[in-house]
C-alpha atoms as a PDB file:
ATOM      1  CA  UNK A   1       0.000   0.000   0.000  1.00  0.00           C
ATOM      2  CA  UNK A   2       1.470   3.325  -1.037  1.00  0.00           C
ATOM      3  CA  UNK A   3       1.107   6.107   1.525  1.00  0.00           C
ATOM      4  CA  UNK A   4       2.857   8.755  -0.558  1.00  0.00           C
ATOM      5  CA  UNK A   5      -0.462  10.051  -1.893  1.00  0.00           C
ATOM      6  CA  UNK A   6      -1.476  10.945   1.659  1.00  0.00           C
ATOM      7  CA  UNK A   7       1.876  12.361   2.684  1.00  0.00           C
ATOM      8  CA  UNK A   8       2.188  14.415  -0.504  1.00  0.00           C
ATOM      9  CA  UNK A   9      -1.291  15.830   0.120  1.00  0.00           C
ATOM     10  CA  UNK A  10      -0.147  17.089   3.509  1.00  0.00           C
ATOM     11  CA  UNK A  11      -2.109  14.549   5.536  1.00  0.00           C
ATOM     12  CA  UNK A  12      -1.198  14.158   9.151  1.00  0.00           C
ATOM     13  CA  UNK A  13      -1.474  10.385   9.418  1.00  0.00           C
ATOM     14  CA  UNK A  14      -1.525  10.489  13.211  1.00  0.00           C
ATOM     15  CA  UNK A  15      -4.800  12.437  13.056  1.00  0.00           C
ATOM     16  CA  UNK A  16      -6.285  11.421   9.710  1.00  0.00           C
ATOM     17  CA  UNK A  17      -5.468   7.747   9.322  1.00  0.00           C
ATOM     18  CA  UNK A  18      -7.037   6.510   6.055  1.00  0.00           C
ATOM     19  CA  UNK A  19      -9.715   3.838   6.358  1.00  0.00           C
ATOM     20  CA  UNK A  20      -8.008   1.632   3.763  1.00  0.00           C
ATOM     21  CA  UNK A  21      -4.917   1.532   6.003  1.00  0.00           C
ATOM     22  CA  UNK A  22      -7.001   0.609   9.022  1.00  0.00           C
ATOM     23  CA  UNK A  23      -8.685  -2.198   7.111  1.00  0.00           C
ATOM     24  CA  UNK A  24      -5.362  -3.568   5.849  1.00  0.00           C
ATOM     25  CA  UNK A  25      -3.813  -3.435   9.332  1.00  0.00           C
ATOM     26  CA  UNK A  26      -6.787  -5.235  10.892  1.00  0.00           C
ATOM     27  CA  UNK A  27      -6.670  -7.807   8.091  1.00  0.00           C
ATOM     28  CA  UNK A  28      -2.988  -8.461   8.828  1.00  0.00           C
ATOM     29  CA  UNK A  29      -3.645  -8.692  12.569  1.00  0.00           C
ATOM     30  CA  UNK A  30      -6.461 -11.201  12.043  1.00  0.00           C
ATOM     31  CA  UNK A  31      -4.286 -13.225   9.683  1.00  0.00           C
ATOM     32  CA  UNK A  32      -1.481 -13.300  12.267  1.00  0.00           C
ATOM     33  CA  UNK A  33      -3.908 -14.378  15.011  1.00  0.00           C
ATOM     34  CA  UNK A  34      -5.127 -17.176  12.742  1.00  0.00           C
ATOM     35  CA  UNK A  35      -1.543 -18.313  12.049  1.00  0.00           C
ATOM     36  CA  UNK A  36      -0.747 -18.324  15.768  1.00  0.00           C
ATOM     37  CA  UNK A  37      -3.848 -20.383  16.527  1.00  0.00           C
ATOM     38  CA  UNK A  38      -2.955 -22.909  13.818  1.00  0.00           C
ATOM     39  CA  UNK A  39       0.619 -23.132  15.100  1.00  0.00           C
ATOM     40  CA  UNK A  40      -0.643 -23.791  18.617  1.00  0.00           C
ATOM     41  CA  UNK A  41      -2.994 -26.506  17.362  1.00  0.00           C
ATOM     42  CA  UNK A  42      -0.183 -28.092  15.346  1.00  0.00           C
ATOM     43  CA  UNK A  43       2.174 -28.024  18.348  1.00  0.00           C
ATOM     44  CA  UNK A  44      -0.457 -29.655  20.554  1.00  0.00           C
ATOM     45  CA  UNK A  45      -1.180 -32.253  17.872  1.00  0.00           C
ATOM     46  CA  UNK A  46       2.529 -33.056  17.522  1.00  0.00           C
ATOM     47  CA  UNK A  47       2.894 -33.282  21.292  1.00  0.00           C
ATOM     48  CA  UNK A  48      -0.101 -35.642  21.518  1.00  0.00           C
ATOM     49  CA  UNK A  49       1.289 -37.842  18.733  1.00  0.00           C
ATOM     50  CA  UNK A  50       4.707 -37.993  20.423  1.00  0.00           C
ATOM     51  CA  UNK A  51       3.162 -38.953  23.759  1.00  0.00           C
ATOM     52  CA  UNK A  52       1.046 -41.632  22.079  1.00  0.00           C
ATOM     53  CA  UNK A  53       4.106 -43.023  20.285  1.00  0.00           C
ATOM     54  CA  UNK A  54       6.047 -43.178  23.578  1.00  0.00           C
ATOM     55  CA  UNK A  55       3.126 -44.899  25.272  1.00  0.00           C
ATOM     56  CA  UNK A  56       2.878 -47.452  22.436  1.00  0.00           C
ATOM     57  CA  UNK A  57       6.624 -48.163  22.625  1.00  0.00           C
ATOM     58  CA  UNK A  58       6.351 -48.988  26.326  1.00  0.00           C
ATOM     59  CA  UNK A  59       3.575 -51.514  25.694  1.00  0.00           C
END
């Protein structure tokens, strides 16, 4: 996303933050939250599989 159009127009981004920027930032935040949730699920799944494999080896 190119912010030069806003800066060249004299926009003060701290006061007049464009809606398209807000939407893109929130989209990125949601995507990152989704990635973190998937990583956590995958870690738990791997941990469960490892524990099951250890348990099966003992039997």
